[in-house]
N, C-alpha and C. Protein backbone atom coordinates (compact mmCIF):
# COMPACT_ATOMS: atom_id res chain seq x y z
N MET A 1 8.67 0.27 8.47
CA MET A 1 8.35 1.18 8.51
C MET A 1 7.07 0.02 8.95
N LYS A 2 6.42 0.95 10.28
CA LYS A 2 5.55 0.50 10.94
C LYS A 2 4.73 1.43 11.28
N VAL A 3 3.08 1.67 10.79
CA VAL A 3 2.06 2.57 11.42
C VAL A 3 1.03 1.50 12.00
N ARG A 4 1.10 2.27 13.34
CA ARG A 4 0.49 1.11 14.46
C ARG A 4 -0.71 2.04 14.55
N GLY A 5 -2.12 1.32 15.70
CA GLY A 5 -3.12 1.68 15.90
C GLY A 5 -4.14 1.25 14.74
N GLU A 6 -5.50 1.04 15.04
CA GLU A 6 -6.27 1.04 13.88
C GLU A 6 -6.79 1.90 12.94
N MET A 7 -6.68 1.83 12.13
CA MET A 7 -7.42 3.61 11.43
C MET A 7 -7.67 3.52 9.86
N SER A 8 -8.35 3.91 8.80
CA SER A 8 -9.12 3.92 7.86
C SER A 8 -7.84 3.25 6.60
N ILE A 9 -8.74 2.62 5.53
CA ILE A 9 -7.17 2.95 4.87
C ILE A 9 -6.62 4.49 4.00
N ALA A 10 -7.61 5.00 4.29
CA ALA A 10 -6.74 6.62 3.91
C ALA A 10 -6.23 7.00 4.84
N GLU A 11 -6.29 6.85 5.96
CA GLU A 11 -5.61 7.08 7.26
C GLU A 11 -3.78 6.49 6.78
N ILE A 12 -4.18 5.04 6.58
CA ILE A 12 -3.09 4.01 6.64
C ILE A 12 -2.06 5.44 5.02
N ARG A 13 -2.99 5.17 4.15
CA ARG A 13 -1.84 5.58 3.09
C ARG A 13 -1.57 7.00 3.02
N GLN A 14 -2.13 7.64 3.85
CA GLN A 14 -1.71 9.02 4.22
C GLN A 14 -0.26 8.92 5.11
N ALA A 15 -0.18 7.92 6.31
CA ALA A 15 0.75 7.93 6.96
C ALA A 15 1.96 7.49 5.82
N LEU A 16 1.74 6.29 5.14
CA LEU A 16 2.60 5.95 4.69
C LEU A 16 3.34 6.75 3.12
N PHE A 17 2.28 7.69 2.67
CA PHE A 17 2.64 8.96 2.21
C PHE A 17 3.58 9.72 2.65
N GLU A 18 3.09 9.68 4.18
CA GLU A 18 4.35 10.37 4.56
C GLU A 18 5.96 10.49 5.16
N MET A 19 5.47 8.68 5.74
CA MET A 19 6.44 8.15 5.72
C MET A 19 7.55 7.65 4.57
N LEU A 20 7.17 7.53 3.32
CA LEU A 20 8.13 7.52 2.14
C LEU A 20 8.68 8.55 1.85
N HIS A 21 8.03 9.97 1.73
CA HIS A 21 8.19 11.40 1.10
C HIS A 21 9.65 11.37 2.44
N GLU A 22 9.20 11.15 4.00
CA GLU A 22 11.00 11.12 4.87
C GLU A 22 11.69 10.73 4.30
N ILE A 23 11.48 8.94 4.31
CA ILE A 23 12.81 8.51 3.90
C ILE A 23 13.50 8.97 2.59
N GLU A 24 12.56 9.44 1.74
CA GLU A 24 13.27 10.07 0.13
C GLU A 24 13.98 11.23 0.61
N ASP A 25 13.32 12.29 1.76
CA ASP A 25 14.23 13.32 1.60
C ASP A 25 15.21 13.25 3.27
N ASP A 26 14.85 13.08 4.05
CA ASP A 26 16.10 12.64 4.77
C ASP A 26 16.71 11.69 4.71
N TYR A 27 16.67 10.89 3.93
CA TYR A 27 17.50 9.75 4.00
C TYR A 27 18.18 9.74 2.37
N SER A 28 17.93 10.38 1.79
CA SER A 28 18.12 10.30 0.60
C SER A 28 17.96 8.81 -0.32
N VAL A 29 17.10 8.59 -0.07
CA VAL A 29 16.23 6.89 -0.62
C VAL A 29 15.76 7.05 -1.91
N ARG A 30 16.23 7.00 -3.01
CA ARG A 30 15.63 7.23 -4.25
C ARG A 30 14.87 6.34 -5.00
N TYR A 31 15.62 5.34 -4.92
CA TYR A 31 15.02 3.57 -5.09
C TYR A 31 14.94 2.34 -4.76
N SER A 32 13.95 1.65 -5.09
CA SER A 32 13.74 0.83 -4.25
C SER A 32 13.54 -0.90 -5.02
N ARG A 33 13.83 -1.95 -4.69
CA ARG A 33 13.50 -2.79 -5.78
C ARG A 33 11.52 -3.64 -5.63
N GLY A 34 11.44 -2.83 -4.76
CA GLY A 34 10.09 -3.11 -4.80
C GLY A 34 9.20 -2.90 -2.75
N ALA A 35 8.53 -3.25 -2.21
CA ALA A 35 7.81 -3.31 -1.35
C ALA A 35 7.03 -4.51 -1.01
N THR A 36 6.60 -4.53 0.01
CA THR A 36 5.99 -5.93 1.00
C THR A 36 5.10 -5.19 1.63
N LEU A 37 3.47 -5.27 1.99
CA LEU A 37 2.93 -4.69 2.61
C LEU A 37 1.82 -5.37 3.25
N TYR A 38 1.81 -5.69 4.51
CA TYR A 38 1.22 -6.64 5.52
C TYR A 38 0.38 -5.78 5.89
N ILE A 39 -1.09 -6.03 6.06
CA ILE A 39 -2.38 -5.21 6.26
C ILE A 39 -3.05 -6.34 7.27
N ASN A 40 -3.11 -5.76 8.20
CA ASN A 40 -4.64 -6.92 9.43
C ASN A 40 -5.63 -6.24 9.61
N PRO A 41 -6.75 -6.68 8.17
CA PRO A 41 -7.80 -5.74 7.66
C PRO A 41 -9.09 -5.91 9.42
N THR A 42 -9.80 -4.83 9.58
CA THR A 42 -10.38 -5.11 10.74
C THR A 42 -11.92 -4.74 10.26
N ASN A 43 -13.03 -4.95 11.66
CA ASN A 43 -14.51 -3.87 11.14
C ASN A 43 -14.36 -3.03 11.69
N GLY A 44 -13.01 -2.47 11.92
CA GLY A 44 -13.26 -0.75 12.51
C GLY A 44 -13.75 -0.56 14.46
N PHE A 45 -13.83 -2.12 14.83
CA PHE A 45 -14.52 -2.29 16.26
C PHE A 45 -13.38 -2.83 16.44
N GLY A 46 -12.28 -3.24 15.85
CA GLY A 46 -11.20 -4.34 16.24
C GLY A 46 -11.41 -5.48 15.95
N ASP A 47 -12.25 -6.14 15.92
CA ASP A 47 -12.43 -7.32 14.95
C ASP A 47 -11.65 -7.85 13.73
N ASP A 48 -10.89 -8.86 14.01
CA ASP A 48 -10.34 -9.37 12.49
C ASP A 48 -11.01 -9.77 11.73
N ILE A 49 -10.75 -9.01 9.80
CA ILE A 49 -12.10 -10.09 9.17
C ILE A 49 -10.91 -10.46 8.06
N LYS A 50 -11.41 -11.35 7.79
CA LYS A 50 -10.91 -11.62 6.06
C LYS A 50 -11.90 -11.22 4.77
N PRO A 51 -10.18 -10.66 4.15
CA PRO A 51 -10.78 -9.91 2.73
C PRO A 51 -11.44 -10.76 2.02
N THR A 52 -12.61 -10.37 1.15
CA THR A 52 -12.72 -11.22 0.20
C THR A 52 -13.29 -10.78 -1.59
N ASN A 53 -13.24 -11.96 -2.57
CA ASN A 53 -13.71 -10.90 -3.29
C ASN A 53 -14.82 -10.93 -4.23
N LYS A 54 -15.45 -9.98 -4.85
CA LYS A 54 -16.60 -9.99 -5.81
C LYS A 54 -17.47 -11.10 -5.24
N TYR A 55 -16.49 -12.26 -5.56
CA TYR A 55 -17.53 -13.67 -5.61
C TYR A 55 -17.34 -14.23 -4.41
N GLY A 56 -17.35 -13.80 -3.23
CA GLY A 56 -16.82 -14.08 -2.20
C GLY A 56 -15.74 -15.38 -1.30
N ARG A 57 -14.69 -15.19 -2.49
CA ARG A 57 -14.03 -16.41 -2.26
C ARG A 57 -12.64 -15.51 -1.19
N SER A 58 -11.89 -16.20 -0.31
CA SER A 58 -11.34 -15.33 0.39
C SER A 58 -10.00 -14.49 -0.38
N VAL A 59 -9.22 -13.89 0.01
CA VAL A 59 -8.26 -12.97 -1.04
C VAL A 59 -6.81 -13.09 0.32
N ASP A 60 -5.74 -13.93 -0.13
CA ASP A 60 -4.81 -13.66 1.05
C ASP A 60 -3.96 -12.76 0.38
N LYS A 61 -3.60 -12.76 -1.09
CA LYS A 61 -2.56 -12.08 -1.32
C LYS A 61 -2.75 -11.14 -2.34
N ILE A 62 -2.37 -9.45 -3.40
CA ILE A 62 -2.56 -9.10 -4.02
C ILE A 62 -1.47 -8.85 -4.66
N ASN A 63 -0.69 -9.13 -6.28
CA ASN A 63 0.12 -8.28 -6.56
C ASN A 63 -0.02 -7.45 -7.23
N SER A 64 1.77 -6.51 -7.50
CA SER A 64 1.78 -6.03 -8.65
C SER A 64 2.36 -5.63 -9.03
N THR A 65 2.45 -5.56 -10.26
CA THR A 65 3.90 -4.13 -11.30
C THR A 65 4.33 -2.82 -11.17
N GLY A 66 3.32 -2.34 -10.31
CA GLY A 66 3.74 -0.89 -10.31
C GLY A 66 2.52 -0.31 -10.55
N PRO A 67 2.73 1.24 -10.82
CA PRO A 67 1.52 2.05 -10.75
C PRO A 67 1.11 1.71 -12.50
N TYR A 68 0.25 2.13 -12.93
CA TYR A 68 0.25 2.24 -14.30
C TYR A 68 1.04 3.66 -15.32
N ARG A 69 1.42 2.44 -16.42
CA ARG A 69 2.37 3.27 -17.32
C ARG A 69 1.05 3.52 -18.64
N SER A 70 1.37 5.24 -18.77
CA SER A 70 0.70 5.76 -19.81
C SER A 70 1.29 5.18 -21.12
N ALA A 71 0.60 5.18 -22.36
CA ALA A 71 1.14 5.60 -23.85
C ALA A 71 2.13 6.48 -23.92
N ALA A 72 2.25 7.75 -23.27
CA ALA A 72 3.72 8.22 -23.17
C ALA A 72 5.24 8.23 -22.91
N ASP A 73 4.74 7.32 -21.59
CA ASP A 73 5.76 6.63 -20.96
C ASP A 73 6.57 5.88 -22.20
N ASP A 74 5.09 4.53 -22.41
CA ASP A 74 6.20 3.89 -23.02
C ASP A 74 6.81 4.07 -24.29
N TYR A 75 6.32 5.20 -25.38
CA TYR A 75 6.85 5.79 -26.50
C TYR A 75 7.70 6.63 -26.07
N LYS A 76 7.89 6.75 -24.68
CA LYS A 76 8.98 7.98 -24.23
C LYS A 76 8.59 9.42 -24.46
N LEU A 77 7.56 9.97 -24.78
CA LEU A 77 6.47 10.90 -25.64
C LEU A 77 6.87 12.26 -24.10
């Protein structure tokens, strides 16, 4: 999957949502072992920027174990 062009994170989020929906519906893909997303952050004018955390340290990678699971999910309620 590739999303081309400079756009806001909200626009990228929507494009990814639509592409995943298409993959699920048109290609019958229901599961995946994971996904890797690479972004190329800019300042909105096309200039590259380096993301930083709240302490000003450079951030190169963010890991996730998936969406938030509620207690109901854990206890199968």
